[in-house]
Amino acid sequence: MNPPLDSDLLRTFLAVATTGNVTRAAEKIGRTQSAVSIQIKRLEEVLGESVFERGSRGVTLTPQGQTLLVNANRIVGLLDETMASIRAKPLGGPVRIGLPEEYGYTVLPRALAAFASQHPQVQVTVKCDYSAKQMAALEADELDLAVIFNWEPPTMGEVLFVDPTVWVTSEVHCVHEITPVPIAVYQRSDWCQKFAIGSLDRNKINYRVAYSCDTGGGLKIAAVSGLAIAPLARSNIPPGCRELTETEGFPVIDSSNVVLRRNPRMTNPAIEGMAKVIRDAFQPMGTAAL
């Protein structure tokens, strides 16, 4: 029987992999250089494979080491998450969150469900609406936290990541080649008039409004079905659709900041815990955008 893979060996492996040097890895985890070398040797004995190639300037990952890196990050992350979950004190009280519809099905559902499961005494209430209405709800003390789009450099709040809005078309229907090009827009939206339609006007694109709605889901329907092109967040392009590019005559509409805004008059540990959950949920998207 093969010996078990110790998590301590994986943590040492990650320290060496991220620093590229045994000496720096030893300093990072507070061990001697010889102790780190012994652990890496032990890891390679357990695996029966070399995970590093040694050189005069440090170490580099072998193909087997590259594979291990992905799994080691996942395993160690899960162990740390489990420990934090066990040690965390249960939270209680109400938390009211405002979210854009764009992320209600993609980024946040699992994060919110995990938070609710870990803290069953917290009463989570979610409001999906436009950014302007979320801001009004914050001002009226109807929300504690809100994730909003900010199309200008934000002066308040925490930028979670940048999610440009682009024109989106069906991969099957070439409606963007029609003149005038049919477009889908939000009804009663100052943003659509200023940014989406404004981008068409600036680029002298002949268009007609073929579809109007009040939801991002409606815009997706228009794009997927081939009824119109639609302005959507780049992270929210539905299957069967693609972004129209500047070479096709459709430049990026805006570079929307996705911002977490807090109600300064409302604070408690449950709200702070939820803010961290939201921040962590968006972190992979921010990393992918770099």
C-alpha atoms as a PDB file:
ATOM      1  CA  MET A   1       0.000   0.000   0.000  1.00  0.00           C
ATOM      2  CA  ASN A   2       1.296   3.459  -0.921  1.00  0.00           C
ATOM      3  CA  PRO A   3       1.927   5.823   2.032  1.00  0.00           C
ATOM      4  CA  PRO A   4      -0.628   8.629   2.461  1.00  0.00           C
ATOM      5  CA  LEU A   5      -0.041  12.097   1.031  1.00  0.00           C
ATOM      6  CA  ASP A   6       0.450  14.379   4.039  1.00  0.00           C
ATOM      7  CA  SER A   7      -1.049  17.872   3.846  1.00  0.00           C
ATOM      8  CA  ASP A   8       2.096  19.275   5.494  1.00  0.00           C
ATOM      9  CA  LEU A   9       4.116  18.010   2.532  1.00  0.00           C
ATOM     10  CA  LEU A  10       1.696  19.745   0.163  1.00  0.00           C
ATOM     11  CA  ARG A  11       2.041  23.051   2.024  1.00  0.00           C
ATOM     12  CA  THR A  12       5.829  22.822   1.799  1.00  0.00           C
ATOM     13  CA  PHE A  13       5.555  21.963  -1.891  1.00  0.00           C
ATOM     14  CA  LEU A  14       3.369  25.037  -2.495  1.00  0.00           C
ATOM     15  CA  ALA A  15       5.838  27.279  -0.664  1.00  0.00           C
ATOM     16  CA  VAL A  16       8.697  26.072  -2.886  1.00  0.00           C
ATOM     17  CA  ALA A  17       6.570  26.225  -6.047  1.00  0.00           C
ATOM     18  CA  THR A  18       5.467  29.822  -5.420  1.00  0.00           C
ATOM     19  CA  THR A  19       8.919  31.121  -4.436  1.00  0.00           C
ATOM     20  CA  GLY A  20      10.939  29.035  -6.895  1.00  0.00           C
ATOM     21  CA  ASN A  21      13.642  28.688  -4.272  1.00  0.00           C
ATOM     22  CA  VAL A  22      14.118  26.364  -1.293  1.00  0.00           C
ATOM     23  CA  THR A  23      15.785  29.041   0.829  1.00  0.00           C
ATOM     24  CA  ARG A  24      12.985  31.584   0.324  1.00  0.00           C
ATOM     25  CA  ALA A  25      10.383  28.875   0.878  1.00  0.00           C
ATOM     26  CA  ALA A  26      12.038  27.979   4.207  1.00  0.00           C
ATOM     27  CA  GLU A  27      11.894  31.634   5.276  1.00  0.00           C
ATOM     28  CA  LYS A  28       8.251  31.856   4.214  1.00  0.00           C
ATOM     29  CA  ILE A  29       7.065  28.880   6.295  1.00  0.00           C
ATOM     30  CA  GLY A  30       9.506  29.323   9.188  1.00  0.00           C
ATOM     31  CA  ARG A  31      11.572  26.176   8.720  1.00  0.00           C
ATOM     32  CA  THR A  32      15.201  25.424   7.990  1.00  0.00           C
ATOM     33  CA  GLN A  33      16.373  24.898   4.434  1.00  0.00           C
ATOM     34  CA  SER A  34      17.375  21.327   5.212  1.00  0.00           C
ATOM     35  CA  ALA A  35      13.931  20.558   6.675  1.00  0.00           C
ATOM     36  CA  VAL A  36      12.261  21.845   3.502  1.00  0.00           C
ATOM     37  CA  SER A  37      14.595  19.796   1.297  1.00  0.00           C
ATOM     38  CA  ILE A  38      13.849  16.671   3.350  1.00  0.00           C
ATOM     39  CA  GLN A  39      10.093  17.230   3.002  1.00  0.00           C
ATOM     40  CA  ILE A  40      10.319  17.702  -0.768  1.00  0.00           C
ATOM     41  CA  LYS A  41      12.393  14.515  -1.011  1.00  0.00           C
ATOM     42  CA  ARG A  42       9.780  12.709   1.109  1.00  0.00           C
ATOM     43  CA  LEU A  43       6.988  14.025  -1.144  1.00  0.00           C
ATOM     44  CA  GLU A  44       8.739  12.762  -4.251  1.00  0.00           C
ATOM     45  CA  GLU A  45       9.252   9.360  -2.614  1.00  0.00           C
ATOM     46  CA  VAL A  46       5.546   9.143  -1.779  1.00  0.00           C
ATOM     47  CA  LEU A  47       4.559  10.132  -5.327  1.00  0.00           C
ATOM     48  CA  GLY A  48       7.274   8.116  -7.041  1.00  0.00           C
ATOM     49  CA  GLU A  49       7.863  11.145  -9.287  1.00  0.00           C
ATOM     50  CA  SER A  50      10.102  14.216  -9.327  1.00  0.00           C
ATOM     51  CA  VAL A  51       8.129  17.425  -8.878  1.00  0.00           C
ATOM     52  CA  PHE A  52      11.007  19.893  -9.271  1.00  0.00           C
ATOM     53  CA  GLU A  53      13.953  20.302 -11.595  1.00  0.00           C
ATOM     54  CA  ARG A  54      16.932  21.774  -9.748  1.00  0.00           C
ATOM     55  CA  GLY A  55      19.039  24.500 -11.329  1.00  0.00           C
ATOM     56  CA  SER A  56      21.660  27.064 -10.366  1.00  0.00           C
ATOM     57  CA  ARG A  57      19.008  29.764  -9.990  1.00  0.00           C
ATOM     58  CA  GLY A  58      16.431  27.721  -8.098  1.00  0.00           C
ATOM     59  CA  VAL A  59      13.835  25.130  -8.965  1.00  0.00           C
ATOM     60  CA  THR A  60      11.191  24.769 -11.665  1.00  0.00           C
ATOM     61  CA  LEU A  61       8.185  22.474 -11.801  1.00  0.00           C
ATOM     62  CA  THR A  62       8.308  19.251 -13.780  1.00  0.00           C
ATOM     63  CA  PRO A  63       5.180  18.242 -15.747  1.00  0.00           C
ATOM     64  CA  GLN A  64       4.203  16.083 -12.746  1.00  0.00           C
ATOM     65  CA  GLY A  65       4.800  19.082 -10.492  1.00  0.00           C
ATOM     66  CA  GLN A  66       2.520  21.232 -12.648  1.00  0.00           C
ATOM     67  CA  THR A  67      -0.261  18.670 -12.233  1.00  0.00           C
ATOM     68  CA  LEU A  68       0.340  18.475  -8.495  1.00  0.00           C
ATOM     69  CA  LEU A  69       0.267  22.281  -8.180  1.00  0.00           C
ATOM     70  CA  VAL A  70      -3.359  22.481  -9.324  1.00  0.00           C
ATOM     71  CA  ASN A  71      -4.524  19.724  -6.996  1.00  0.00           C
ATOM     72  CA  ALA A  72      -2.392  20.874  -4.056  1.00  0.00           C
ATOM     73  CA  ASN A  73      -3.903  24.357  -4.206  1.00  0.00           C
ATOM     74  CA  ARG A  74      -7.394  22.856  -4.224  1.00  0.00           C
ATOM     75  CA  ILE A  75      -6.695  20.398  -1.376  1.00  0.00           C
ATOM     76  CA  VAL A  76      -4.962  22.914   0.893  1.00  0.00           C
ATOM     77  CA  GLY A  77      -7.623  25.514   0.149  1.00  0.00           C
ATOM     78  CA  LEU A  78     -10.374  23.059   1.070  1.00  0.00           C
ATOM     79  CA  LEU A  79      -8.586  22.123   4.308  1.00  0.00           C
ATOM     80  CA  ASP A  80      -8.188  25.796   5.270  1.00  0.00           C
ATOM     81  CA  GLU A  81     -11.821  26.504   4.387  1.00  0.00           C
ATOM     82  CA  THR A  82     -12.975  23.545   6.485  1.00  0.00           C
ATOM     83  CA  MET A  83     -10.921  24.644   9.477  1.00  0.00           C
ATOM     84  CA  ALA A  84     -12.178  28.212   9.210  1.00  0.00           C
ATOM     85  CA  SER A  85     -15.748  26.939   8.985  1.00  0.00           C
ATOM     86  CA  ILE A  86     -15.359  24.820  12.125  1.00  0.00           C
ATOM     87  CA  ARG A  87     -13.691  27.586  14.108  1.00  0.00           C
ATOM     88  CA  ALA A  88     -16.028  30.346  12.966  1.00  0.00           C
ATOM     89  CA  LYS A  89     -18.516  31.535  15.531  1.00  0.00           C
ATOM     90  CA  PRO A  90     -22.119  31.339  14.311  1.00  0.00           C
ATOM     91  CA  LEU A  91     -23.489  34.704  13.257  1.00  0.00           C
ATOM     92  CA  GLY A  92     -27.011  35.986  13.681  1.00  0.00           C
ATOM     93  CA  GLY A  93     -29.270  38.822  12.622  1.00  0.00           C
ATOM     94  CA  PRO A  94     -30.590  40.156   9.322  1.00  0.00           C
ATOM     95  CA  VAL A  95     -28.448  40.916   6.264  1.00  0.00           C
ATOM     96  CA  ARG A  96     -30.075  42.676   3.303  1.00  0.00           C
ATOM     97  CA  ILE A  97     -28.160  42.540   0.017  1.00  0.00           C
ATOM     98  CA  GLY A  98     -28.732  44.225  -3.324  1.00  0.00           C
ATOM     99  CA  LEU A  99     -27.413  42.380  -6.395  1.00  0.00           C
ATOM    100  CA  PRO A 100     -27.449  42.980 -10.145  1.00  0.00           C
ATOM    101  CA  GLU A 101     -29.380  40.364 -12.037  1.00  0.00           C
ATOM    102  CA  GLU A 102     -26.216  39.687 -14.066  1.00  0.00           C
ATOM    103  CA  TYR A 103     -24.578  37.855 -11.153  1.00  0.00           C
ATOM    104  CA  GLY A 104     -27.663  36.334  -9.555  1.00  0.00           C
ATOM    105  CA  TYR A 105     -27.220  33.100 -11.503  1.00  0.00           C
ATOM    106  CA  THR A 106     -23.456  32.990 -11.931  1.00  0.00           C
ATOM    107  CA  VAL A 107     -21.125  34.419  -9.298  1.00  0.00           C
ATOM    108  CA  LEU A 108     -23.032  34.484  -6.043  1.00  0.00           C
ATOM    109  CA  PRO A 109     -25.579  31.655  -5.627  1.00  0.00           C
ATOM    110  CA  ARG A 110     -23.190  29.076  -4.163  1.00  0.00           C
ATOM    111  CA  ALA A 111     -21.482  31.689  -1.986  1.00  0.00           C
ATOM    112  CA  LEU A 112     -24.773  32.899  -0.523  1.00  0.00           C
ATOM    113  CA  ALA A 113     -26.019  29.337  -0.020  1.00  0.00           C
ATOM    114  CA  ALA A 114     -22.788  28.352   1.768  1.00  0.00           C
ATOM    115  CA  PHE A 115     -23.043  31.410   4.040  1.00  0.00           C
ATOM    116  CA  ALA A 116     -26.672  30.650   4.873  1.00  0.00           C
ATOM    117  CA  SER A 117     -25.810  27.018   5.640  1.00  0.00           C
ATOM    118  CA  GLN A 118     -22.878  27.982   7.870  1.00  0.00           C
ATOM    119  CA  HIS A 119     -24.860  30.687   9.692  1.00  0.00           C
ATOM    120  CA  PRO A 120     -28.478  29.486   9.853  1.00  0.00           C
ATOM    121  CA  GLN A 121     -29.384  32.223  12.350  1.00  0.00           C
ATOM    122  CA  VAL A 122     -28.637  34.935   9.780  1.00  0.00           C
ATOM    123  CA  GLN A 123     -31.724  36.101   7.919  1.00  0.00           C
ATOM    124  CA  VAL A 124     -30.488  36.790   4.382  1.00  0.00           C
ATOM    125  CA  THR A 125     -32.684  38.916   2.123  1.00  0.00           C
ATOM    126  CA  VAL A 126     -31.682  39.558  -1.504  1.00  0.00           C
ATOM    127  CA  LYS A 127     -32.980  42.328  -3.762  1.00  0.00           C
ATOM    128  CA  CYS A 128     -32.220  42.131  -7.500  1.00  0.00           C
ATOM    129  CA  ASP A 129     -32.558  45.465  -9.266  1.00  0.00           C
ATOM    130  CA  TYR A 130     -30.831  48.199 -11.249  1.00  0.00           C
ATOM    131  CA  SER A 131     -27.852  49.962  -9.700  1.00  0.00           C
ATOM    132  CA  ALA A 132     -29.740  53.258  -9.335  1.00  0.00           C
ATOM    133  CA  LYS A 133     -32.505  51.552  -7.364  1.00  0.00           C
ATOM    134  CA  GLN A 134     -29.965  49.711  -5.216  1.00  0.00           C
ATOM    135  CA  MET A 135     -28.290  53.004  -4.338  1.00  0.00           C
ATOM    136  CA  ALA A 136     -31.650  54.533  -3.462  1.00  0.00           C
ATOM    137  CA  ALA A 137     -32.403  51.544  -1.234  1.00  0.00           C
ATOM    138  CA  LEU A 138     -29.067  52.002   0.547  1.00  0.00           C
ATOM    139  CA  GLU A 139     -29.845  55.662   1.188  1.00  0.00           C
ATOM    140  CA  ALA A 140     -33.287  54.711   2.529  1.00  0.00           C
ATOM    141  CA  ASP A 141     -31.732  52.130   4.910  1.00  0.00           C
ATOM    142  CA  GLU A 142     -33.498  49.326   3.074  1.00  0.00           C
ATOM    143  CA  LEU A 143     -30.198  47.534   2.288  1.00  0.00           C
ATOM    144  CA  ASP A 144     -27.000  46.812   4.203  1.00  0.00           C
ATOM    145  CA  LEU A 145     -24.820  45.907   1.196  1.00  0.00           C
ATOM    146  CA  ALA A 146     -25.185  46.402  -2.537  1.00  0.00           C
ATOM    147  CA  VAL A 147     -23.195  45.204  -5.539  1.00  0.00           C
ATOM    148  CA  ILE A 148     -23.590  47.852  -8.212  1.00  0.00           C
ATOM    149  CA  PHE A 149     -22.204  48.887 -11.588  1.00  0.00           C
ATOM    150  CA  ASN A 150     -20.337  52.176 -11.600  1.00  0.00           C
ATOM    151  CA  TRP A 151     -19.519  53.608 -15.029  1.00  0.00           C
ATOM    152  CA  GLU A 152     -17.475  56.489 -13.664  1.00  0.00           C
ATOM    153  CA  PRO A 153     -14.320  56.222 -11.483  1.00  0.00           C
ATOM    154  CA  PRO A 154     -15.846  55.270  -8.101  1.00  0.00           C
ATOM    155  CA  THR A 155     -15.373  57.663  -5.207  1.00  0.00           C
ATOM    156  CA  MET A 156     -16.949  55.357  -2.636  1.00  0.00           C
ATOM    157  CA  GLY A 157     -17.121  51.617  -2.115  1.00  0.00           C
ATOM    158  CA  GLU A 158     -14.811  48.710  -2.907  1.00  0.00           C
ATOM    159  CA  VAL A 159     -14.088  47.795  -6.532  1.00  0.00           C
ATOM    160  CA  LEU A 160     -14.511  44.022  -6.861  1.00  0.00           C
ATOM    161  CA  PHE A 161     -13.418  43.828 -10.495  1.00  0.00           C
ATOM    162  CA  VAL A 162     -13.888  45.479 -13.896  1.00  0.00           C
ATOM    163  CA  ASP A 163     -16.512  43.914 -16.186  1.00  0.00           C
ATOM    164  CA  PRO A 164     -16.759  45.725 -19.552  1.00  0.00           C
ATOM    165  CA  THR A 165     -20.104  45.939 -21.312  1.00  0.00           C
ATOM    166  CA  VAL A 166     -19.953  44.768 -24.930  1.00  0.00           C
ATOM    167  CA  TRP A 167     -22.307  44.240 -27.841  1.00  0.00           C
ATOM    168  CA  VAL A 168     -23.266  40.561 -28.088  1.00  0.00           C
ATOM    169  CA  THR A 169     -24.667  38.634 -31.035  1.00  0.00           C
ATOM    170  CA  SER A 170     -25.830  35.102 -31.756  1.00  0.00           C
ATOM    171  CA  GLU A 171     -23.153  32.765 -33.130  1.00  0.00           C
ATOM    172  CA  VAL A 172     -25.773  31.338 -35.505  1.00  0.00           C
ATOM    173  CA  HIS A 173     -27.685  34.439 -36.596  1.00  0.00           C
ATOM    174  CA  CYS A 174     -25.614  37.224 -38.159  1.00  0.00           C
ATOM    175  CA  VAL A 175     -28.046  39.990 -37.207  1.00  0.00           C
ATOM    176  CA  HIS A 176     -25.167  42.440 -36.710  1.00  0.00           C
ATOM    177  CA  GLU A 177     -24.713  42.395 -40.508  1.00  0.00           C
ATOM    178  CA  ILE A 178     -28.257  43.675 -41.106  1.00  0.00           C
ATOM    179  CA  THR A 179     -28.820  47.368 -41.873  1.00  0.00           C
ATOM    180  CA  PRO A 180     -30.197  48.949 -39.806  1.00  0.00           C
ATOM    181  CA  VAL A 181     -28.853  46.607 -37.139  1.00  0.00           C
ATOM    182  CA  PRO A 182     -31.594  45.478 -34.711  1.00  0.00           C
ATOM    183  CA  ILE A 183     -30.670  46.184 -31.081  1.00  0.00           C
ATOM    184  CA  ALA A 184     -32.095  45.205 -27.709  1.00  0.00           C
ATOM    185  CA  VAL A 185     -32.202  47.788 -24.913  1.00  0.00           C
ATOM    186  CA  TYR A 186     -33.398  48.298 -21.374  1.00  0.00           C
ATOM    187  CA  GLN A 187     -36.628  50.261 -21.127  1.00  0.00           C
ATOM    188  CA  ARG A 188     -36.444  53.585 -19.286  1.00  0.00           C
ATOM    189  CA  SER A 189     -32.662  53.362 -18.872  1.00  0.00           C
ATOM    190  CA  ASP A 190     -30.441  56.455 -18.851  1.00  0.00           C
ATOM    191  CA  TRP A 191     -27.428  54.143 -19.095  1.00  0.00           C
ATOM    192  CA  CYS A 192     -28.676  52.589 -22.342  1.00  0.00           C
ATOM    193  CA  GLN A 193     -29.234  56.002 -23.884  1.00  0.00           C
ATOM    194  CA  LYS A 194     -25.883  57.431 -22.773  1.00  0.00           C
ATOM    195  CA  PHE A 195     -23.575  54.446 -23.183  1.00  0.00           C
ATOM    196  CA  ALA A 196     -25.086  51.679 -25.345  1.00  0.00           C
ATOM    197  CA  ILE A 197     -26.906  53.798 -27.920  1.00  0.00           C
ATOM    198  CA  GLY A 198     -24.259  56.492 -27.518  1.00  0.00           C
ATOM    199  CA  SER A 199     -21.575  54.035 -28.673  1.00  0.00           C
ATOM    200  CA  LEU A 200     -23.584  53.312 -31.832  1.00  0.00           C
ATOM    201  CA  ASP A 201     -24.100  57.005 -32.529  1.00  0.00           C
ATOM    202  CA  ARG A 202     -20.408  57.785 -32.055  1.00  0.00           C
ATOM    203  CA  ASN A 203     -19.457  55.036 -34.499  1.00  0.00           C
ATOM    204  CA  LYS A 204     -22.160  56.070 -36.992  1.00  0.00           C
ATOM    205  CA  ILE A 205     -23.874  52.667 -36.884  1.00  0.00           C
ATOM    206  CA  ASN A 206     -27.396  52.674 -38.315  1.00  0.00           C
ATOM    207  CA  TYR A 207     -29.712  50.847 -35.865  1.00  0.00           C
ATOM    208  CA  ARG A 208     -33.289  50.293 -34.832  1.00  0.00           C
ATOM    209  CA  VAL A 209     -34.671  49.243 -31.453  1.00  0.00           C
ATOM    210  CA  ALA A 210     -36.075  45.775 -32.093  1.00  0.00           C
ATOM    211  CA  TYR A 211     -36.423  44.554 -28.507  1.00  0.00           C
ATOM    212  CA  SER A 212     -36.916  46.300 -25.183  1.00  0.00           C
ATOM    213  CA  CYS A 213     -37.204  44.843 -21.708  1.00  0.00           C
ATOM    214  CA  ASP A 214     -36.513  45.481 -18.028  1.00  0.00           C
ATOM    215  CA  THR A 215     -34.117  42.596 -17.291  1.00  0.00           C
ATOM    216  CA  GLY A 216     -30.728  41.272 -18.304  1.00  0.00           C
ATOM    217  CA  GLY A 217     -32.444  37.948 -18.943  1.00  0.00           C
ATOM    218  CA  GLY A 218     -34.576  39.631 -21.567  1.00  0.00           C
ATOM    219  CA  LEU A 219     -31.493  41.000 -23.322  1.00  0.00           C
ATOM    220  CA  LYS A 220     -30.020  37.498 -23.374  1.00  0.00           C
ATOM    221  CA  ILE A 221     -33.176  36.118 -24.979  1.00  0.00           C
ATOM    222  CA  ALA A 222     -32.945  38.740 -27.710  1.00  0.00           C
ATOM    223  CA  ALA A 223     -29.309  37.876 -28.447  1.00  0.00           C
ATOM    224  CA  VAL A 224     -29.637  34.074 -28.277  1.00  0.00           C
ATOM    225  CA  SER A 225     -32.744  34.012 -30.464  1.00  0.00           C
ATOM    226  CA  GLY A 226     -31.158  36.224 -33.115  1.00  0.00           C
ATOM    227  CA  LEU A 227     -33.761  38.971 -32.743  1.00  0.00           C
ATOM    228  CA  ALA A 228     -31.162  41.632 -31.952  1.00  0.00           C
ATOM    229  CA  ILE A 229     -27.691  42.365 -30.693  1.00  0.00           C
ATOM    230  CA  ALA A 230     -27.627  43.241 -26.998  1.00  0.00           C
ATOM    231  CA  PRO A 231     -25.405  45.144 -24.553  1.00  0.00           C
ATOM    232  CA  LEU A 232     -24.234  42.646 -21.923  1.00  0.00           C
ATOM    233  CA  ALA A 233     -21.456  42.368 -19.365  1.00  0.00           C
ATOM    234  CA  ARG A 234     -18.546  40.441 -20.845  1.00  0.00           C
ATOM    235  CA  SER A 235     -18.696  37.940 -17.951  1.00  0.00           C
ATOM    236  CA  ASN A 236     -22.370  37.330 -18.671  1.00  0.00           C
ATOM    237  CA  ILE A 237     -22.359  36.371 -22.366  1.00  0.00           C
ATOM    238  CA  PRO A 238     -24.747  33.399 -22.732  1.00  0.00           C
ATOM    239  CA  PRO A 239     -23.867  30.134 -24.503  1.00  0.00           C
ATOM    240  CA  GLY A 240     -24.413  30.370 -28.239  1.00  0.00           C
ATOM    241  CA  CYS A 241     -23.419  34.027 -28.330  1.00  0.00           C
ATOM    242  CA  ARG A 242     -20.201  35.967 -28.763  1.00  0.00           C
ATOM    243  CA  GLU A 243     -18.808  39.436 -28.276  1.00  0.00           C
ATOM    244  CA  LEU A 244     -18.760  41.745 -31.289  1.00  0.00           C
ATOM    245  CA  THR A 245     -15.297  43.221 -31.756  1.00  0.00           C
ATOM    246  CA  GLU A 246     -13.928  46.624 -32.669  1.00  0.00           C
ATOM    247  CA  THR A 247     -12.757  45.255 -36.030  1.00  0.00           C
ATOM    248  CA  GLU A 248     -16.409  44.481 -36.765  1.00  0.00           C
ATOM    249  CA  GLY A 249     -17.313  48.078 -35.929  1.00  0.00           C
ATOM    250  CA  PHE A 250     -18.532  47.505 -32.364  1.00  0.00           C
ATOM    251  CA  PRO A 251     -16.059  48.779 -29.739  1.00  0.00           C
ATOM    252  CA  VAL A 252     -16.441  48.092 -26.024  1.00  0.00           C
ATOM    253  CA  ILE A 253     -19.394  50.089 -24.656  1.00  0.00           C
ATOM    254  CA  ASP A 254     -17.938  50.855 -21.238  1.00  0.00           C
ATOM    255  CA  SER A 255     -15.532  49.531 -18.616  1.00  0.00           C
ATOM    256  CA  SER A 256     -17.944  49.029 -15.759  1.00  0.00           C
ATOM    257  CA  ASN A 257     -16.542  48.856 -12.248  1.00  0.00           C
ATOM    258  CA  VAL A 258     -18.361  46.251 -10.163  1.00  0.00           C
ATOM    259  CA  VAL A 259     -18.450  47.916  -6.746  1.00  0.00           C
ATOM    260  CA  LEU A 260     -19.463  46.714  -3.279  1.00  0.00           C
ATOM    261  CA  ARG A 261     -21.206  49.551  -1.446  1.00  0.00           C
ATOM    262  CA  ARG A 262     -22.024  49.468   2.267  1.00  0.00           C
ATOM    263  CA  ASN A 263     -24.621  51.260   4.295  1.00  0.00           C
ATOM    264  CA  PRO A 264     -22.472  53.147   6.843  1.00  0.00           C
ATOM    265  CA  ARG A 265     -25.403  53.307   9.248  1.00  0.00           C
ATOM    266  CA  MET A 266     -25.762  49.526   9.357  1.00  0.00           C
ATOM    267  CA  THR A 267     -22.983  47.324  10.708  1.00  0.00           C
ATOM    268  CA  ASN A 268     -22.747  44.043  12.591  1.00  0.00           C
ATOM    269  CA  PRO A 269     -20.624  40.867  12.355  1.00  0.00           C
ATOM    270  CA  ALA A 270     -23.138  39.196  10.026  1.00  0.00           C
ATOM    271  CA  ILE A 271     -22.909  42.071   7.538  1.00  0.00           C
ATOM    272  CA  GLU A 272     -19.114  41.995   7.690  1.00  0.00           C
ATOM    273  CA  GLY A 273     -19.172  38.225   7.165  1.00  0.00           C
ATOM    274  CA  MET A 274     -21.416  38.578   4.139  1.00  0.00           C
ATOM    275  CA  ALA A 275     -19.191  41.322   2.693  1.00  0.00           C
ATOM    276  CA  LYS A 276     -16.250  38.912   2.840  1.00  0.00           C
ATOM    277  CA  VAL A 277     -18.266  36.163   1.148  1.00  0.00           C
ATOM    278  CA  ILE A 278     -19.176  38.538  -1.701  1.00  0.00           C
ATOM    279  CA  ARG A 279     -15.570  39.724  -2.044  1.00  0.00           C
ATOM    280  CA  ASP A 280     -14.256  36.143  -2.151  1.00  0.00           C
ATOM    281  CA  ALA A 281     -16.886  35.131  -4.720  1.00  0.00           C
ATOM    282  CA  PHE A 282     -15.709  37.818  -7.139  1.00  0.00           C
ATOM    283  CA  GLN A 283     -11.964  37.292  -6.560  1.00  0.00           C
ATOM    284  CA  PRO A 284     -11.453  34.614  -9.256  1.00  0.00           C
ATOM    285  CA  MET A 285     -13.133  36.885 -11.806  1.00  0.00           C
ATOM    286  CA  GLY A 286     -10.846  39.759 -10.885  1.00  0.00           C
ATOM    287  CA  THR A 287      -7.807  37.480 -11.222  1.00  0.00           C
ATOM    288  CA  ALA A 288      -8.962  36.246 -14.636  1.00  0.00           C
ATOM    289  CA  ALA A 289      -9.339  39.828 -15.826  1.00  0.00           C
ATOM    290  CA  LEU A 290      -5.687  40.729 -15.046  1.00  0.00           C
END
